Amino acid sequence: MKLNPINYVRYLLEFVIIITGVVLSFYLDDLRQLGEKESYKDTLIEELLVTSQEDLKQIEKITEDLTIVQKNIAEILADIEDGRKDLNDAEVAEKYLFIIQKMSVSFFPQNGTFNQLISTGSIELIDSKEFRRVLLNNYTHYYDRNSANNRTLDDLYLAFGANIDPKITVTSTEQDDASFIYSDMVVSSYDIDQKFYLSNTFKAYLLTAQSMVGKNIDMLQIFSKSYKEIIALANKEIS
């Protein structure tokens, strides 16, 4: 039995129509999913903008405090340089309290939104290669360096407590309106060991703190530049 050519063409057309419909259906579904992913990516970037601005404010506050720490360290070092104590005990207590209170305050980047960009694959949908590079640097390389700095400063803070506080004892009270992270303390009493204050041991600790705080300030400046780039590139991405 011969196949009618007209039937053959009809079957072929039906087959092509069915295949085309299936392919078109998959294509439209892919477009829909891509649109949803793009929309979710934009939502994450908008959240990233908010957290980046908050982190930048946190960096500015910590940098401001660390700059005062460096100033207080320099003033105490200048005072003991000639082997005499010219600052009075109240001034020493106030400066020393600020040093130990603020020198180890850490910066903790809010990396939750970045982690979502990675885990959902949304970062691959970001058009700008530069934006992806800056994000990866900020939340991996810089993040790890910052964590290492924080651990070192924590260790130094503990060393100050164990080796200096028994000799230069400053008790304090917390201001009523201060937040937990940046709580400000005021001197309530103090006891300054004059001999230890002029010792090379105390000087060595201050020099170490000066160096470590300086490195932390440098790290925060790198973060600050990075966050400003993130904010600018994020605005371009979603505009």
Protein backbone atom coordinates (compact mmCIF):
# COMPACT_ATOMS: atom_id res chain seq x y z
CA MET A 1 0.00 0.00 0.00
CA LYS A 2 1.44 3.28 -1.13
CA LEU A 3 1.49 6.29 1.15
CA ASN A 4 -0.44 9.14 -0.32
CA PRO A 5 2.00 12.06 -0.79
CA ILE A 6 -0.61 14.45 0.50
CA ASN A 7 -0.93 12.43 3.72
CA TYR A 8 2.84 12.31 3.99
CA VAL A 9 3.08 16.08 3.78
CA ARG A 10 0.23 16.43 6.26
CA TYR A 11 1.89 14.09 8.78
CA LEU A 12 5.18 15.91 8.33
CA LEU A 13 3.53 19.27 8.92
CA GLU A 14 1.74 17.97 12.02
CA PHE A 15 5.04 16.60 13.32
CA VAL A 16 6.82 19.91 12.68
CA ILE A 17 3.98 21.83 14.35
CA ILE A 18 4.08 19.56 17.42
CA ILE A 19 7.88 19.79 17.74
CA THR A 20 7.79 23.53 17.17
CA GLY A 21 5.12 23.88 19.85
CA VAL A 22 7.15 21.86 22.34
CA VAL A 23 10.35 23.78 21.58
CA LEU A 24 8.48 27.10 21.76
CA SER A 25 6.93 26.05 25.07
CA PHE A 26 10.36 25.25 26.52
CA TYR A 27 11.74 28.51 25.12
CA LEU A 28 8.96 30.59 26.64
CA ASP A 29 9.36 28.78 29.96
CA ASP A 30 13.10 29.49 29.89
CA LEU A 31 12.38 33.15 29.19
CA ARG A 32 9.93 33.26 32.09
CA GLN A 33 12.44 31.65 34.45
CA LEU A 34 15.20 33.97 33.24
CA GLY A 35 12.91 36.96 33.83
CA GLU A 36 12.18 35.76 37.35
CA LYS A 37 15.89 35.23 38.02
CA GLU A 38 16.71 38.70 36.66
CA SER A 39 14.02 40.21 38.87
CA TYR A 40 15.34 38.32 41.92
CA LYS A 41 18.89 39.39 41.06
CA ASP A 42 17.78 43.04 40.97
CA THR A 43 16.03 42.59 44.33
CA LEU A 44 19.23 41.20 45.85
CA ILE A 45 21.28 44.07 44.44
CA GLU A 46 18.83 46.57 45.92
CA GLU A 47 19.30 44.84 49.29
CA LEU A 48 23.05 44.92 48.72
CA LEU A 49 22.86 48.67 48.21
CA VAL A 50 21.19 49.12 51.60
CA THR A 51 23.65 46.89 53.49
CA SER A 52 26.64 48.47 51.70
CA GLN A 53 25.53 51.93 52.79
CA GLU A 54 25.07 50.66 56.37
CA ASP A 55 28.51 49.02 56.31
CA LEU A 56 30.07 52.22 55.00
CA LYS A 57 28.60 54.17 57.93
CA GLN A 58 29.94 51.53 60.33
CA ILE A 59 33.40 51.83 58.74
CA GLU A 60 33.34 55.62 59.10
CA LYS A 61 32.41 55.37 62.79
CA ILE A 62 35.08 52.78 63.59
CA THR A 63 37.73 54.71 61.62
CA GLU A 64 36.86 57.87 63.53
CA ASP A 65 37.30 56.07 66.87
CA LEU A 66 40.54 54.36 65.79
CA THR A 67 41.97 57.71 64.73
CA ILE A 68 41.36 59.00 68.26
CA VAL A 69 42.95 55.82 69.63
CA GLN A 70 46.07 56.57 67.58
CA LYS A 71 46.06 60.15 68.84
CA ASN A 72 45.84 59.03 72.48
CA ILE A 73 48.60 56.44 72.01
CA ALA A 74 50.84 59.08 70.42
CA GLU A 75 50.22 61.52 73.27
CA ILE A 76 51.06 58.94 75.95
CA LEU A 77 54.19 57.84 74.04
CA ALA A 78 55.27 61.48 73.76
CA ASP A 79 54.70 61.91 77.51
CA ILE A 80 56.89 58.97 78.55
CA GLU A 81 59.59 59.52 75.93
CA ASP A 82 61.77 61.66 78.22
CA GLY A 83 61.34 59.33 81.21
CA ARG A 84 59.07 61.74 83.05
CA LYS A 85 55.30 61.78 83.55
CA ASP A 86 53.78 65.13 82.69
CA LEU A 87 50.18 64.05 82.13
CA ASN A 88 48.17 63.84 85.34
CA ASP A 89 46.57 60.56 86.39
CA ALA A 90 43.08 61.65 85.32
CA GLU A 91 44.34 62.42 81.80
CA VAL A 92 46.19 59.09 81.58
CA ALA A 93 43.13 57.20 82.80
CA GLU A 94 40.85 58.86 80.26
CA LYS A 95 43.22 58.28 77.34
CA TYR A 96 44.03 54.71 78.35
CA LEU A 97 40.35 53.82 78.81
CA PHE A 98 39.55 55.03 75.30
CA ILE A 99 42.49 53.05 73.90
CA ILE A 100 41.50 49.72 75.42
CA GLN A 101 37.81 50.34 74.80
CA LYS A 102 38.11 51.14 71.09
CA MET A 103 41.31 49.63 69.72
CA SER A 104 39.80 46.17 69.15
CA VAL A 105 36.33 47.17 67.96
CA SER A 106 35.85 45.04 64.86
CA PHE A 107 34.16 45.66 61.55
CA PHE A 108 31.81 42.85 60.54
CA PRO A 109 30.63 43.11 56.91
CA GLN A 110 27.02 42.16 56.28
CA ASN A 111 27.62 39.36 53.78
CA GLY A 112 24.21 37.63 53.80
CA THR A 113 23.01 39.19 50.54
CA PHE A 114 26.30 38.40 48.78
CA ASN A 115 26.00 34.78 49.92
CA GLN A 116 22.50 34.67 48.40
CA LEU A 117 23.86 36.04 45.12
CA ILE A 118 26.37 33.18 45.09
CA SER A 119 24.09 30.35 46.28
CA THR A 120 21.28 31.20 43.83
CA GLY A 121 23.62 31.77 40.87
CA SER A 122 22.33 35.33 40.60
CA ILE A 123 25.86 36.73 40.51
CA GLU A 124 26.30 35.16 37.06
CA LEU A 125 23.42 37.33 35.80
CA ILE A 126 25.24 40.55 36.71
CA ASP A 127 26.17 42.24 33.43
CA SER A 128 29.26 44.07 34.64
CA LYS A 129 32.41 41.98 35.00
CA GLU A 130 33.91 44.79 37.07
CA PHE A 131 30.97 44.65 39.47
CA ARG A 132 31.41 40.88 39.93
CA ARG A 133 35.15 41.36 40.50
CA VAL A 134 34.64 44.07 43.13
CA LEU A 135 32.01 41.97 44.93
CA LEU A 136 34.23 38.89 45.03
CA ASN A 137 37.21 40.91 46.29
CA ASN A 138 35.14 42.64 48.97
CA TYR A 139 33.44 39.54 50.39
CA THR A 140 36.24 36.98 50.01
CA HIS A 141 39.77 38.42 49.90
CA TYR A 142 39.14 41.58 51.94
CA TYR A 143 36.75 39.70 54.24
CA ASP A 144 39.46 37.14 55.10
CA ARG A 145 42.10 39.81 55.67
CA ASN A 146 39.73 41.73 57.92
CA SER A 147 38.94 38.59 59.95
CA ALA A 148 42.66 37.99 60.49
CA ASN A 149 43.11 41.60 61.68
CA ASN A 150 40.18 41.23 64.05
CA ARG A 151 41.61 38.08 65.62
CA THR A 152 45.00 39.76 66.13
CA LEU A 153 43.39 42.79 67.78
CA ASP A 154 41.32 40.52 70.02
CA ASP A 155 44.53 38.78 71.15
CA LEU A 156 46.19 42.14 71.79
CA TYR A 157 43.19 43.29 73.84
CA LEU A 158 43.47 40.17 76.00
CA ALA A 159 47.21 40.77 76.43
CA PHE A 160 46.53 44.35 77.58
CA GLY A 161 44.02 43.05 80.10
CA ALA A 162 46.39 40.43 81.50
CA ASN A 163 49.60 42.46 81.58
CA ILE A 164 48.74 46.16 81.78
CA ASP A 165 45.40 46.47 83.55
CA PRO A 166 46.82 45.24 86.89
CA LYS A 167 49.32 48.13 86.73
CA ILE A 168 47.14 50.78 85.14
CA THR A 169 43.70 50.07 86.53
CA VAL A 170 40.81 52.13 85.21
CA THR A 171 37.25 51.34 86.21
CA SER A 172 34.44 52.78 84.17
CA THR A 173 30.70 53.06 83.76
CA GLU A 174 28.72 52.89 80.54
CA GLN A 175 26.85 55.90 79.29
CA ASP A 176 23.09 55.40 79.51
CA ASP A 177 22.36 56.30 75.88
CA ALA A 178 25.18 54.32 74.26
CA SER A 179 24.60 51.41 71.91
CA PHE A 180 26.06 47.99 72.64
CA ILE A 181 28.55 47.87 69.77
CA TYR A 182 29.89 51.39 70.16
CA SER A 183 29.16 51.84 73.84
CA ASP A 184 31.11 54.72 75.34
CA MET A 185 32.56 54.37 78.83
CA VAL A 186 33.46 57.12 81.25
CA VAL A 187 36.14 56.89 83.94
CA SER A 188 34.81 56.29 87.43
CA SER A 189 38.10 55.55 89.25
CA TYR A 190 41.73 54.78 88.47
CA ASP A 191 45.05 53.67 89.93
CA ILE A 192 48.20 54.43 87.91
CA ASP A 193 51.47 52.65 88.74
CA GLN A 194 53.96 55.45 88.03
CA LYS A 195 56.97 53.16 87.56
CA PHE A 196 55.13 50.86 85.15
CA TYR A 197 53.74 53.85 83.23
CA LEU A 198 57.32 54.90 82.42
CA SER A 199 58.55 51.36 81.74
CA ASN A 200 59.71 49.94 78.41
CA THR A 201 57.10 47.20 78.81
CA PHE A 202 54.24 49.68 78.70
CA LYS A 203 55.92 51.52 75.83
CA ALA A 204 56.29 48.26 73.86
CA TYR A 205 52.60 47.45 74.27
CA LEU A 206 51.63 50.92 73.12
CA LEU A 207 53.87 50.67 70.05
CA THR A 208 52.36 47.29 69.18
CA ALA A 209 48.85 48.69 69.55
CA GLN A 210 49.80 51.69 67.43
CA SER A 211 51.04 49.42 64.66
CA MET A 212 48.06 47.06 64.75
CA VAL A 213 45.49 49.86 64.88
CA GLY A 214 47.26 51.53 61.96
CA LYS A 215 46.94 48.32 59.92
CA ASN A 216 43.27 48.12 60.83
CA ILE A 217 42.69 51.69 59.68
CA ASP A 218 44.42 50.86 56.39
CA MET A 219 42.15 47.82 55.98
CA LEU A 220 39.07 49.92 56.67
CA GLN A 221 40.16 52.45 54.06
CA ILE A 222 40.41 49.63 51.52
CA PHE A 223 36.93 48.48 52.52
CA SER A 224 35.60 52.03 52.28
CA LYS A 225 36.86 52.42 48.71
CA SER A 226 35.46 48.99 47.84
CA TYR A 227 32.00 49.75 49.24
CA LYS A 228 31.86 53.06 47.36
CA GLU A 229 32.62 51.14 44.16
CA ILE A 230 29.94 48.57 45.01
CA ILE A 231 27.34 51.29 45.56
CA ALA A 232 28.20 53.04 42.27
CA LEU A 233 28.23 49.80 40.24
CA ALA A 234 25.05 48.49 41.89
CA ASN A 235 23.19 51.67 40.93
CA LYS A 236 24.35 51.23 37.33
CA GLU A 237 23.30 47.56 37.30
CA ILE A 238 19.71 48.21 38.31
CA SER A 239 19.22 51.56 36.57
